[in-house]
N, C-alpha and C. Protein backbone atom coordinates (compact mmCIF):
# COMPACT_ATOMS: atom_id res chain seq x y z
N MET A 1 -2.81 3.54 64.18
CA MET A 1 -3.87 3.19 65.05
C MET A 1 -4.97 4.03 65.00
N GLY A 2 -4.84 5.30 64.42
CA GLY A 2 -5.92 6.23 64.12
C GLY A 2 -5.88 7.38 64.99
N TYR A 3 -6.79 8.28 64.63
CA TYR A 3 -6.82 9.58 65.41
C TYR A 3 -7.62 9.57 66.65
N PHE A 4 -8.12 8.39 67.12
CA PHE A 4 -9.07 8.36 68.25
C PHE A 4 -8.34 7.89 69.38
N THR A 5 -7.13 7.81 69.48
CA THR A 5 -6.30 7.45 70.61
C THR A 5 -5.64 8.56 71.20
N SER A 6 -5.21 8.49 72.43
CA SER A 6 -4.43 9.66 73.05
C SER A 6 -2.83 9.39 72.98
N TRP A 7 -2.51 8.35 72.26
CA TRP A 7 -1.07 7.95 72.09
C TRP A 7 -0.44 8.75 71.04
N ASN A 8 0.89 9.12 71.21
CA ASN A 8 1.66 9.77 70.05
C ASN A 8 2.27 8.70 69.19
N TYR A 9 2.96 9.13 68.20
CA TYR A 9 3.53 8.14 67.33
C TYR A 9 4.53 7.24 67.89
N VAL A 10 5.28 7.68 68.82
CA VAL A 10 6.33 6.91 69.43
C VAL A 10 5.67 5.80 70.38
N GLU A 11 4.64 6.23 71.07
CA GLU A 11 3.94 5.24 71.85
C GLU A 11 3.23 4.18 71.03
N GLU A 12 2.58 4.66 69.93
CA GLU A 12 1.96 3.75 69.00
C GLU A 12 2.95 2.70 68.55
N THR A 13 4.15 3.18 68.16
CA THR A 13 5.16 2.37 67.59
C THR A 13 5.65 1.38 68.65
N GLU A 14 5.85 1.75 69.87
CA GLU A 14 6.16 0.77 70.96
C GLU A 14 5.10 -0.28 71.18
N ILE A 15 3.82 0.10 71.10
CA ILE A 15 2.72 -0.82 71.25
C ILE A 15 2.90 -1.87 70.12
N ALA A 16 2.91 -1.31 68.88
CA ALA A 16 3.03 -2.24 67.74
C ALA A 16 4.25 -3.15 67.78
N MET A 17 5.36 -2.67 68.36
CA MET A 17 6.47 -3.50 68.48
C MET A 17 6.29 -4.50 69.60
N ALA A 18 5.56 -4.19 70.56
CA ALA A 18 5.30 -5.18 71.66
C ALA A 18 4.37 -6.31 71.15
N VAL A 19 3.31 -5.92 70.36
CA VAL A 19 2.35 -6.82 69.96
C VAL A 19 2.78 -7.72 68.79
N THR A 20 3.64 -7.09 67.85
CA THR A 20 4.05 -7.90 66.64
C THR A 20 5.38 -8.47 66.72
N GLY A 21 6.26 -7.88 67.53
CA GLY A 21 7.71 -8.25 67.66
C GLY A 21 8.45 -7.65 66.56
N TRP A 22 7.95 -6.78 65.80
CA TRP A 22 8.78 -6.21 64.76
C TRP A 22 9.65 -5.12 65.34
N ASN A 23 10.97 -5.02 64.92
CA ASN A 23 11.77 -3.93 65.38
C ASN A 23 11.65 -2.83 64.29
N THR A 24 10.99 -1.77 64.73
CA THR A 24 10.72 -0.65 63.89
C THR A 24 10.89 0.66 64.53
N SER A 25 10.93 1.74 63.79
CA SER A 25 10.96 3.06 64.38
C SER A 25 9.65 3.73 64.11
N ALA A 26 9.48 4.97 64.68
CA ALA A 26 8.19 5.78 64.57
C ALA A 26 8.10 6.21 63.03
N TRP A 27 9.18 6.32 62.39
CA TRP A 27 9.22 6.89 60.97
C TRP A 27 8.56 5.87 60.13
N GLU A 28 8.93 4.53 60.23
CA GLU A 28 8.47 3.53 59.31
C GLU A 28 6.87 3.42 59.15
N PRO A 29 6.20 3.40 60.33
CA PRO A 29 4.74 3.31 60.09
C PRO A 29 4.19 4.65 59.49
N MET A 30 4.71 5.74 59.72
CA MET A 30 4.27 6.98 59.07
C MET A 30 4.55 6.94 57.43
N LYS A 31 5.68 6.32 57.15
CA LYS A 31 5.84 6.22 55.69
C LYS A 31 4.96 5.30 55.12
N VAL A 32 4.61 4.13 55.85
CA VAL A 32 3.57 3.18 55.30
C VAL A 32 2.24 3.95 55.05
N GLY A 33 1.80 4.72 56.09
CA GLY A 33 0.59 5.56 55.98
C GLY A 33 0.61 6.46 54.75
N GLU A 34 1.77 7.02 54.55
CA GLU A 34 1.90 7.92 53.31
C GLU A 34 1.73 7.27 52.11
N ARG A 35 2.32 6.02 52.01
CA ARG A 35 2.22 5.12 50.88
C ARG A 35 0.75 4.66 50.63
N VAL A 36 0.12 4.33 51.60
CA VAL A 36 -1.27 3.92 51.57
C VAL A 36 -2.08 5.06 50.93
N THR A 37 -1.91 6.34 51.54
CA THR A 37 -2.62 7.46 51.09
C THR A 37 -2.38 7.74 49.57
N THR A 38 -1.11 7.68 49.20
CA THR A 38 -0.75 7.85 47.77
C THR A 38 -1.34 6.87 46.88
N MET A 39 -1.39 5.52 47.32
CA MET A 39 -1.91 4.49 46.43
C MET A 39 -3.42 4.58 46.31
N ALA A 40 -4.06 5.08 47.43
CA ALA A 40 -5.44 5.30 47.36
C ALA A 40 -5.72 6.42 46.37
N GLY A 41 -5.04 7.40 46.46
CA GLY A 41 -5.14 8.57 45.46
C GLY A 41 -4.99 8.15 43.99
N ALA A 42 -3.99 7.29 43.83
CA ALA A 42 -3.63 6.76 42.48
C ALA A 42 -4.82 5.92 41.88
N PHE A 43 -5.37 5.21 42.85
CA PHE A 43 -6.55 4.31 42.43
C PHE A 43 -7.67 5.15 42.02
N ASP A 44 -7.89 6.26 42.81
CA ASP A 44 -9.13 7.20 42.60
C ASP A 44 -8.91 7.84 41.18
N VAL A 45 -7.65 8.22 40.91
CA VAL A 45 -7.36 8.88 39.61
C VAL A 45 -7.59 7.88 38.42
N ARG A 46 -7.04 6.68 38.65
CA ARG A 46 -7.16 5.71 37.63
C ARG A 46 -8.54 5.35 37.32
N GLU A 47 -9.47 5.32 38.32
CA GLU A 47 -10.88 4.89 38.23
C GLU A 47 -11.68 6.08 37.78
N GLY A 48 -11.17 7.30 37.72
CA GLY A 48 -11.90 8.43 37.28
C GLY A 48 -12.69 9.17 38.20
N PHE A 49 -12.44 9.12 39.53
CA PHE A 49 -13.15 9.79 40.57
C PHE A 49 -12.69 11.23 40.55
N PRO A 50 -13.57 12.21 40.68
CA PRO A 50 -13.17 13.63 40.74
C PRO A 50 -12.55 13.98 42.08
N ARG A 51 -11.89 15.07 42.10
CA ARG A 51 -11.24 15.60 43.26
C ARG A 51 -12.21 15.96 44.35
N SER A 52 -13.44 16.25 43.96
CA SER A 52 -14.55 16.53 44.91
C SER A 52 -14.81 15.33 45.79
N ASP A 53 -14.53 14.16 45.32
CA ASP A 53 -14.75 12.98 46.13
C ASP A 53 -13.72 12.66 47.19
N ASP A 54 -12.69 13.63 47.21
CA ASP A 54 -11.67 13.36 48.25
C ASP A 54 -12.23 13.89 49.60
N TRP A 55 -13.36 14.65 49.66
CA TRP A 55 -13.89 15.13 50.89
C TRP A 55 -15.25 14.39 51.23
N LEU A 56 -15.63 14.20 52.58
CA LEU A 56 -16.82 13.64 52.92
C LEU A 56 -17.86 14.70 52.71
N PRO A 57 -19.12 14.16 52.52
CA PRO A 57 -20.27 15.12 52.32
C PRO A 57 -20.36 16.04 53.62
N GLU A 58 -21.01 17.15 53.45
CA GLU A 58 -21.21 18.12 54.58
C GLU A 58 -22.01 17.49 55.79
N ARG A 59 -22.93 16.56 55.44
CA ARG A 59 -23.67 15.99 56.54
C ARG A 59 -22.77 15.23 57.63
N PHE A 60 -21.55 14.84 57.16
CA PHE A 60 -20.55 14.15 58.07
C PHE A 60 -19.89 15.22 59.07
N SER A 61 -19.96 16.35 58.77
CA SER A 61 -19.32 17.46 59.57
C SER A 61 -20.31 18.14 60.51
N HIS A 62 -21.57 17.80 60.42
CA HIS A 62 -22.50 18.34 61.37
C HIS A 62 -23.29 17.45 62.06
N HIS A 63 -22.94 17.07 63.24
CA HIS A 63 -23.61 15.99 64.01
C HIS A 63 -24.85 16.63 64.75
N ARG A 64 -25.84 15.83 65.01
CA ARG A 64 -27.13 16.23 65.58
C ARG A 64 -26.85 16.89 66.96
N LEU A 65 -25.90 16.37 67.69
CA LEU A 65 -25.64 16.88 68.98
C LEU A 65 -24.93 18.34 68.96
N LEU A 66 -24.32 18.64 67.77
CA LEU A 66 -23.81 20.04 67.68
C LEU A 66 -24.74 21.08 67.77
N VAL A 67 -26.06 20.90 67.58
CA VAL A 67 -27.01 21.89 67.65
C VAL A 67 -27.11 22.38 69.16
N LEU A 68 -26.77 21.50 70.06
CA LEU A 68 -26.73 21.95 71.55
C LEU A 68 -25.59 22.88 71.89
N CYS A 69 -24.58 22.83 71.03
CA CYS A 69 -23.42 23.72 71.32
C CYS A 69 -23.72 25.12 70.72
N SER A 70 -23.07 26.14 71.46
CA SER A 70 -23.22 27.50 71.05
C SER A 70 -22.39 27.79 69.74
N LYS A 71 -21.29 27.09 69.49
CA LYS A 71 -20.45 27.20 68.29
C LYS A 71 -20.20 25.88 67.75
N PRO A 72 -20.42 25.73 66.45
CA PRO A 72 -20.13 24.31 65.79
C PRO A 72 -18.62 23.92 66.03
N LEU A 73 -18.41 22.62 66.40
CA LEU A 73 -16.98 22.26 66.66
C LEU A 73 -16.15 22.14 65.30
N PHE A 74 -16.87 22.03 64.20
CA PHE A 74 -16.09 21.80 62.94
C PHE A 74 -15.94 23.08 62.10
N THR A 75 -16.18 24.28 62.69
CA THR A 75 -16.00 25.50 61.98
C THR A 75 -14.72 25.61 61.32
N GLU A 76 -13.67 25.34 62.01
CA GLU A 76 -12.22 25.50 61.45
C GLU A 76 -12.07 24.54 60.32
N VAL A 77 -12.51 23.33 60.42
CA VAL A 77 -12.39 22.32 59.36
C VAL A 77 -13.21 22.84 58.09
N ASN A 78 -14.38 23.33 58.23
CA ASN A 78 -15.11 23.83 57.08
C ASN A 78 -14.34 25.22 56.44
N LEU A 79 -13.90 26.00 57.23
CA LEU A 79 -13.27 27.05 56.73
C LEU A 79 -11.95 26.65 55.91
N ARG A 80 -11.13 25.75 56.54
CA ARG A 80 -10.01 25.28 55.83
C ARG A 80 -10.33 24.52 54.49
N ARG A 81 -11.47 23.82 54.54
CA ARG A 81 -11.90 23.15 53.24
C ARG A 81 -12.21 24.24 52.18
N GLN A 82 -12.85 25.29 52.61
CA GLN A 82 -13.22 26.48 51.71
C GLN A 82 -12.00 27.08 51.11
N GLU A 83 -10.95 27.26 51.93
CA GLU A 83 -9.67 27.85 51.49
C GLU A 83 -8.99 26.94 50.42
N ILE A 84 -9.01 25.67 50.76
CA ILE A 84 -8.29 24.69 49.80
C ILE A 84 -8.96 24.67 48.44
N HIS A 85 -10.34 24.77 48.47
CA HIS A 85 -11.07 24.70 47.28
C HIS A 85 -11.02 26.03 46.50
N ALA A 86 -10.74 27.12 47.21
CA ALA A 86 -10.57 28.55 46.59
C ALA A 86 -9.34 28.53 45.76
N THR A 87 -8.27 27.75 46.29
CA THR A 87 -6.91 27.90 45.62
C THR A 87 -6.89 26.95 44.39
N LYS A 88 -7.80 26.19 44.10
CA LYS A 88 -7.81 25.20 42.98
C LYS A 88 -8.31 25.89 41.73
C-alpha cells in the first residue's frame, strides 16, 4: 500500500484480505514486493541503465518548504546515499 500510510504490514495484509477475499499472510505481499523490485532491477540492467539511475535526482530530496526549517529533513537520507556510493 505504500510508505504513506500509518498501517503496519499485518494491518495492510488484513485490509487486503478483507477487500480481495484472498487468504494470505504478511510474508506473501512482502515477497511479492521483493520480486517486483528484483524484476525492475533486472529490466534496468537488460536495457543498459547505469546504477546512478537507481536514485532520484537531488532536486527530489529538497522541497521548497524545507527552506523554512532550521535543519533539512532529508539530511540522513543524503548522508546514507553518500556512504553507499563511497563503498562502490
